[in-house]
Structures are given as structure tokens and as C-alpha cells.
């Protein structure tokens, strides 16, 4: 596998998580990876409760919340299981995918404590771009705050994988980050930071620093039109497409994708929700 600099902070965080004795310690020690918070008072229970709230807010807003107990879900970018735990309680089967094996171990521990571990299967995304899941396995393929951390081509590859593993009649719900004014500064700083991550000795140390990681892991920006064009090149075809964005930001998209707003969407983010034919 090629050494991709945008993966370094995640793998560094995974190695740090291996040194912690509990998932509570993981949240306290490297909380910046998951929710931009650190501190001695953080605990896993509170962390999971935020995920439980968000998953149903999104599924309800996207109108893909019916008969979940009979369905399967693929989650691209599970981390240590913030949303996975709630998914495991709602769905018959959850495929939790992450590029770091240490995170997946913690994810299983999290689901065992707060979810239904019998409904969980973990998938190691070793190359950062493909899913070891059969075609048409999932009723819903879901990804939140993950694709923006991937190399541009890897992110589009994962979009294709999401399409492939979703069964006809199923849905994809994928979260992306698009351009904002601050990117005039953030984007070049991110490139410099990712270059520094390659420096032996210094790079792994820098990857653990909260501010540097927040800057450096913003590895791509994808517009609705670019993702839609990519989706059209795939063998899998999709019917209704909706683009969800913040009501506090205008977003342009091609005419065949319906624009919808949802209060829960960050102003720099947007979601693609589509049904596979």
C-alpha cells in the first residue's frame, strides 16, 4: 500500500489507543480524533450518547428510517464506535469499516458495552479505498466526517464502493466537505502539514498534536457536481438523489439532484442521499 500522508494521524491515534487500558482512556487521551475535545472528565458513555442522538436525527431527516430492525448497514469510518453502537441496536447487522485495526478493536469493545455486539462485523480498510464486503450486501451505506479525510481519489473510490455494496432499493447517505472562505488559508496550510507528517521522527509526533491534525487531515474538498458526475460513471445506477445542506449556506448543485436543507448539517458540509435502482 502506498504511504498516504493523510492517513498518518489516524494510524498514529490508533497506535496511541493501543496503549490505553480502556475506551474511556482513549476518549480522554485522543478525544481530538473524534469530537475535538480532550480532558479528564470525558468518558465513553457520554461520547456514545452523542452518536445515538445523531444517527437517528440523520436517518429521520433523510427519510430512510423504516424497518431498520430488518436491515443491514455499512458504516464507512466507524472509529471506536461513536455511532456504531447505536447502529447495532437499530439494525440487524452493521459492517463497521475503518482503516485502523486498533480502532476496530475498540469499536467492538464499545459495541459490546453499549450496543449489540452480535449485530456487528468489523471490516479493516487496509488500503484506505476498498471494502471487503460482497456486492449488494447493505440496505444503507452511511459515512459521516470520513470522506473529507481521504485523498481525493480514495474518497471517490469509497463512493464507488458504497454504491457497489448497497443493494437495489437500498440507500447511500454520504457526508462530504466542500469549499468555504477559510479554505483560502486552511488548504495550503493543510498541504504543508501533510508534507511535515512525512518527516521521520518529527512527523509522527506532529500527527498527535490536535491543531496540526485538524489542519492536516482536511485532505479533500468535493462538490455535489463532482460526486454526481462520478456516480454517473459507475455500473450501479441511482434514482432519486437529494443534496442536504445547512439552511444557513447556499449550495449549488446540478438540476437532477434535489436540494434540501437540514438544521443538523454543518455549514461546510453536505450530504448525498440516493436510492439505488
Protein backbone atom coordinates (compact mmCIF):
# COMPACT_ATOMS: atom_id res chain seq x y z
CA UNK A 1 0.00 0.00 0.00
CA UNK A 2 1.28 3.47 -0.84
CA UNK A 3 2.12 5.58 2.20
CA UNK A 4 -0.60 8.24 2.20
CA UNK A 5 0.22 11.18 4.46
CA UNK A 6 -3.42 11.94 5.26
CA UNK A 7 -3.68 8.52 6.96
CA UNK A 8 -0.83 9.21 9.37
CA UNK A 9 -2.79 10.95 12.17
CA UNK A 10 -5.43 8.23 12.18
CA UNK A 11 -2.86 5.45 12.36
CA UNK A 12 -0.92 7.40 14.98
CA UNK A 13 -4.10 7.77 17.01
CA UNK A 14 -4.71 4.06 16.57
CA UNK A 15 -1.30 3.26 17.99
CA UNK A 16 -1.96 5.59 20.91
CA UNK A 17 -5.27 3.83 21.55
CA UNK A 18 -3.44 0.51 21.80
CA UNK A 19 -1.58 1.87 24.82
CA UNK A 20 -4.74 2.79 26.75
CA UNK A 21 -6.26 0.35 29.21
CA UNK A 22 -9.88 1.27 28.47
CA UNK A 23 -12.00 3.01 25.87
CA UNK A 24 -12.67 5.76 28.44
CA UNK A 25 -8.93 6.42 28.47
CA UNK A 26 -8.92 6.51 24.67
CA UNK A 27 -11.60 9.22 24.64
CA UNK A 28 -9.73 11.25 27.26
CA UNK A 29 -6.31 10.83 25.67
CA UNK A 30 -7.10 11.30 21.98
CA UNK A 31 -10.55 12.86 22.02
CA UNK A 32 -9.39 15.29 19.33
CA UNK A 33 -9.67 12.48 16.81
CA UNK A 34 -13.37 12.05 17.38
CA UNK A 35 -15.11 15.12 18.76
CA UNK A 36 -12.49 17.85 19.09
CA UNK A 37 -12.46 17.64 22.88
CA UNK A 38 -9.97 16.38 25.42
CA UNK A 39 -9.89 16.30 29.20
CA UNK A 40 -10.03 14.14 32.30
CA UNK A 41 -13.81 14.40 32.64
CA UNK A 42 -14.65 12.85 29.26
CA UNK A 43 -15.98 9.32 29.25
CA UNK A 44 -17.10 6.81 26.67
CA UNK A 45 -20.75 6.80 27.77
CA UNK A 46 -21.21 10.49 27.01
CA UNK A 47 -19.32 10.06 23.76
CA UNK A 48 -21.64 7.25 22.63
CA UNK A 49 -24.75 9.16 23.65
CA UNK A 50 -23.83 11.93 21.18
CA UNK A 51 -23.69 9.32 18.43
CA UNK A 52 -27.00 7.74 19.45
CA UNK A 53 -28.68 11.12 19.09
CA UNK A 54 -27.11 11.99 15.76
CA UNK A 55 -27.75 8.77 13.87
CA UNK A 56 -31.50 8.96 14.31
CA UNK A 57 -31.55 12.69 13.60
CA UNK A 58 -29.89 12.00 10.25
CA UNK A 59 -31.86 8.87 9.34
CA UNK A 60 -35.13 10.63 10.14
CA UNK A 61 -34.15 13.75 8.18
CA UNK A 62 -33.09 11.61 5.20
CA UNK A 63 -36.34 9.59 5.34
CA UNK A 64 -34.52 6.24 5.44
CA UNK A 65 -35.68 5.20 8.90
CA UNK A 66 -38.26 2.47 8.21
CA UNK A 67 -37.98 -1.19 9.32
CA UNK A 68 -34.39 -0.73 10.48
CA UNK A 69 -34.53 -3.85 12.64
CA UNK A 70 -34.72 -5.96 9.49
CA UNK A 71 -31.94 -4.18 7.60
CA UNK A 72 -28.16 -4.12 7.32
CA UNK A 73 -25.92 -1.06 7.35
CA UNK A 74 -22.35 -0.43 6.22
CA UNK A 75 -20.60 2.36 8.12
CA UNK A 76 -17.55 3.80 6.39
CA UNK A 77 -15.31 5.27 9.09
CA UNK A 78 -16.51 3.79 12.37
CA UNK A 79 -13.64 4.93 14.59
CA UNK A 80 -14.05 3.48 18.07
CA UNK A 81 -17.80 3.18 17.62
CA UNK A 82 -19.41 6.52 18.47
CA UNK A 83 -22.26 5.88 16.02
CA UNK A 84 -21.70 2.15 15.58
CA UNK A 85 -23.12 1.34 18.99
CA UNK A 86 -26.45 2.96 18.18
CA UNK A 87 -26.49 1.43 14.72
CA UNK A 88 -26.02 -2.03 16.25
CA UNK A 89 -29.11 -1.52 18.39
CA UNK A 90 -31.22 -0.31 15.47
CA UNK A 91 -30.09 -2.61 12.63
CA UNK A 92 -30.00 -6.38 12.21
CA UNK A 93 -26.37 -6.23 11.01
CA UNK A 94 -23.75 -3.48 10.96
CA UNK A 95 -20.50 -3.65 8.99
CA UNK A 96 -18.14 -1.22 10.72
CA UNK A 97 -15.30 -0.21 8.39
CA UNK A 98 -12.13 1.63 9.35
CA UNK A 99 -8.56 1.87 8.10
CA UNK A 100 -7.11 1.33 11.57
CA UNK A 101 -7.31 -2.12 13.15
CA UNK A 102 -6.80 -0.69 16.65
CA UNK A 103 -9.89 1.47 16.24
CA UNK A 104 -11.87 -1.58 15.15
CA UNK A 105 -10.83 -3.46 18.27
CA UNK A 106 -12.02 -0.55 20.39
CA UNK A 107 -15.18 -0.34 18.29
CA UNK A 108 -16.02 -3.94 19.13
CA UNK A 109 -15.42 -3.23 22.83
CA UNK A 110 -17.65 -0.17 22.64
CA UNK A 111 -20.49 -2.05 20.96
CA UNK A 112 -20.15 -4.92 23.42
CA UNK A 113 -20.65 -2.45 26.26
CA UNK A 114 -23.28 -0.12 24.82
CA UNK A 115 -24.76 -1.85 21.78
CA UNK A 116 -25.49 -5.34 20.43
CA UNK A 117 -22.20 -6.96 19.54
CA UNK A 118 -23.96 -9.92 17.88
CA UNK A 119 -25.10 -7.46 15.21
CA UNK A 120 -21.57 -6.27 14.46
CA UNK A 121 -18.95 -7.25 11.92
CA UNK A 122 -15.74 -5.21 11.60
CA UNK A 123 -14.02 -4.62 8.26
CA UNK A 124 -10.40 -3.44 8.02
CA UNK A 125 -9.97 -0.97 5.13
CA UNK A 126 -6.24 -1.61 4.86
CA UNK A 127 -5.70 0.30 1.61
CA UNK A 128 -7.95 3.23 2.53
CA UNK A 129 -10.10 2.84 -0.60
CA UNK A 130 -11.83 -0.56 -0.90
CA UNK A 131 -14.30 -2.51 1.26
CA UNK A 132 -14.05 -6.27 1.78
CA UNK A 133 -17.82 -6.63 1.55
CA UNK A 134 -19.86 -8.51 -1.04
CA UNK A 135 -21.85 -6.71 -3.74
CA UNK A 136 -25.33 -5.64 -2.65
CA UNK A 137 -24.85 -6.52 1.00
CA UNK A 138 -26.26 -3.39 2.64
CA UNK A 139 -29.64 -1.74 2.80
CA UNK A 140 -27.95 1.51 3.81
CA UNK A 141 -24.34 2.63 3.37
CA UNK A 142 -23.52 5.53 5.65
CA UNK A 143 -20.44 7.70 6.14
CA UNK A 144 -20.04 10.74 8.37
CA UNK A 145 -16.95 13.00 8.68
CA UNK A 146 -14.70 10.44 6.99
CA UNK A 147 -14.53 11.08 3.26
CA UNK A 148 -13.09 14.58 3.78
CA UNK A 149 -10.06 12.97 5.43
CA UNK A 150 -9.26 10.78 2.43
CA UNK A 151 -7.07 11.53 -0.52
CA UNK A 152 -9.26 12.87 -3.34
CA UNK A 153 -9.13 9.69 -5.44
CA UNK A 154 -9.54 7.46 -2.37
CA UNK A 155 -12.69 9.35 -1.40
CA UNK A 156 -14.18 8.83 -4.86
CA UNK A 157 -13.16 5.17 -4.73
CA UNK A 158 -15.07 4.82 -1.47
CA UNK A 159 -18.10 6.46 -3.10
CA UNK A 160 -17.92 3.75 -5.76
CA UNK A 161 -17.56 1.10 -3.07
CA UNK A 162 -20.59 2.49 -1.25
CA UNK A 163 -22.58 2.15 -4.47
CA UNK A 164 -21.32 -1.40 -5.03
CA UNK A 165 -22.12 -2.77 -1.57
CA UNK A 166 -25.62 -1.22 -1.48
CA UNK A 167 -28.39 -3.49 -2.72
CA UNK A 168 -31.05 -2.40 -5.26
CA UNK A 169 -33.72 -0.48 -3.38
CA UNK A 170 -31.19 0.47 -0.73
CA UNK A 171 -29.75 3.90 0.02
CA UNK A 172 -26.42 5.63 0.33
CA UNK A 173 -26.03 8.52 2.78
CA UNK A 174 -22.58 10.06 2.43
CA UNK A 175 -21.20 13.17 4.09
CA UNK A 176 -18.71 15.48 2.35
CA UNK A 177 -16.99 18.77 2.99
CA UNK A 178 -16.97 21.48 0.34
CA UNK A 179 -15.15 24.76 -0.12
CA UNK A 180 -15.55 27.64 2.30
CA UNK A 181 -13.84 31.01 2.60
CA UNK A 182 -11.44 29.82 5.29
CA UNK A 183 -10.02 27.26 2.85
CA UNK A 184 -8.02 30.06 1.24
CA UNK A 185 -5.80 29.73 4.31
CA UNK A 186 -6.62 26.24 5.54
CA UNK A 187 -5.98 24.44 2.26
CA UNK A 188 -2.31 25.50 1.75
CA UNK A 189 -1.63 25.01 5.47
CA UNK A 190 -3.03 21.50 5.18
CA UNK A 191 -0.67 20.67 2.33
CA UNK A 192 2.32 21.87 4.34
CA UNK A 193 1.19 19.91 7.40
CA UNK A 194 0.75 16.71 5.41
CA UNK A 195 4.24 17.16 3.98
CA UNK A 196 5.63 17.55 7.51
CA UNK A 197 3.95 14.30 8.56
CA UNK A 198 6.39 12.53 6.26
CA UNK A 199 9.43 13.76 8.21
CA UNK A 200 10.92 10.82 10.17
CA UNK A 201 10.62 11.25 13.92
CA UNK A 202 9.03 14.69 13.78
CA UNK A 203 6.07 13.65 11.60
CA UNK A 204 4.55 11.07 13.98
CA UNK A 205 4.97 13.49 16.88
CA UNK A 206 3.25 16.27 14.94
CA UNK A 207 0.43 13.92 13.94
CA UNK A 208 -0.55 13.63 17.61
CA UNK A 209 -0.91 17.38 18.02
CA UNK A 210 -4.54 18.40 18.00
CA UNK A 211 -4.26 21.62 15.98
CA UNK A 212 -1.89 20.15 13.39
CA UNK A 213 -4.17 17.17 12.91
CA UNK A 214 -7.26 19.32 12.46
CA UNK A 215 -5.44 21.29 9.76
CA UNK A 216 -3.69 18.42 8.04
CA UNK A 217 -6.37 15.81 7.79
CA UNK A 218 -8.64 18.03 5.70
CA UNK A 219 -7.36 16.18 2.67
CA UNK A 220 -10.02 16.97 0.06
CA UNK A 221 -12.99 19.11 -0.86
CA UNK A 222 -15.66 17.61 -3.10
CA UNK A 223 -18.58 19.48 -4.64
CA UNK A 224 -22.01 17.93 -5.24
CA UNK A 225 -21.47 18.16 -9.00
CA UNK A 226 -18.15 16.32 -8.88
CA UNK A 227 -19.58 13.47 -6.82
CA UNK A 228 -22.69 13.30 -9.02
CA UNK A 229 -20.56 13.07 -12.15
CA UNK A 230 -18.53 10.29 -10.57
CA UNK A 231 -21.68 8.42 -9.56
CA UNK A 232 -22.88 8.51 -13.17
CA UNK A 233 -19.76 6.66 -14.34
CA UNK A 234 -20.47 3.65 -12.11
CA UNK A 235 -22.26 0.48 -13.21
CA UNK A 236 -24.71 0.90 -10.33
CA UNK A 237 -27.46 3.39 -11.06
CA UNK A 238 -29.40 5.57 -8.66
CA UNK A 239 -32.90 7.02 -8.76
CA UNK A 240 -33.83 9.91 -6.51
CA UNK A 241 -30.88 11.99 -5.40
CA UNK A 242 -31.06 14.61 -2.69
CA UNK A 243 -28.38 17.00 -1.54
CA UNK A 244 -28.79 18.05 2.09
CA UNK A 245 -27.04 21.19 3.29
CA UNK A 246 -27.24 23.77 6.05
CA UNK A 247 -30.09 26.29 5.75
CA UNK A 248 -27.51 28.95 6.61
CA UNK A 249 -25.49 28.39 3.46
CA UNK A 250 -26.34 28.49 -0.22
CA UNK A 251 -25.15 25.47 -2.17
CA UNK A 252 -25.21 24.94 -5.92
CA UNK A 253 -25.84 21.54 -7.48
CA UNK A 254 -26.92 20.14 -10.80
CA UNK A 255 -30.65 20.20 -11.56
CA UNK A 256 -31.29 16.45 -11.26
CA UNK A 257 -30.34 16.46 -7.57
CA UNK A 258 -32.95 17.97 -5.29
CA UNK A 259 -31.57 20.49 -2.81
CA UNK A 260 -32.87 20.14 0.73
CA UNK A 261 -31.87 21.78 4.00
CA UNK A 262 -31.42 20.27 7.45
CA UNK A 263 -30.50 22.18 10.59
CA UNK A 264 -28.11 19.44 11.69
CA UNK A 265 -25.73 19.89 8.75
CA UNK A 266 -22.55 21.89 9.36
CA UNK A 267 -22.26 24.91 7.07
CA UNK A 268 -19.11 23.48 5.46
CA UNK A 269 -20.66 20.03 4.92
CA UNK A 270 -23.22 18.48 2.63
CA UNK A 271 -24.80 15.03 2.28
CA UNK A 272 -25.64 12.93 -0.73
CA UNK A 273 -28.64 10.66 -0.18
CA UNK A 274 -29.68 8.43 -3.06
CA UNK A 275 -31.65 5.25 -3.73
CA UNK A 276 -30.05 2.52 -5.83
CA UNK A 277 -32.09 1.16 -8.72
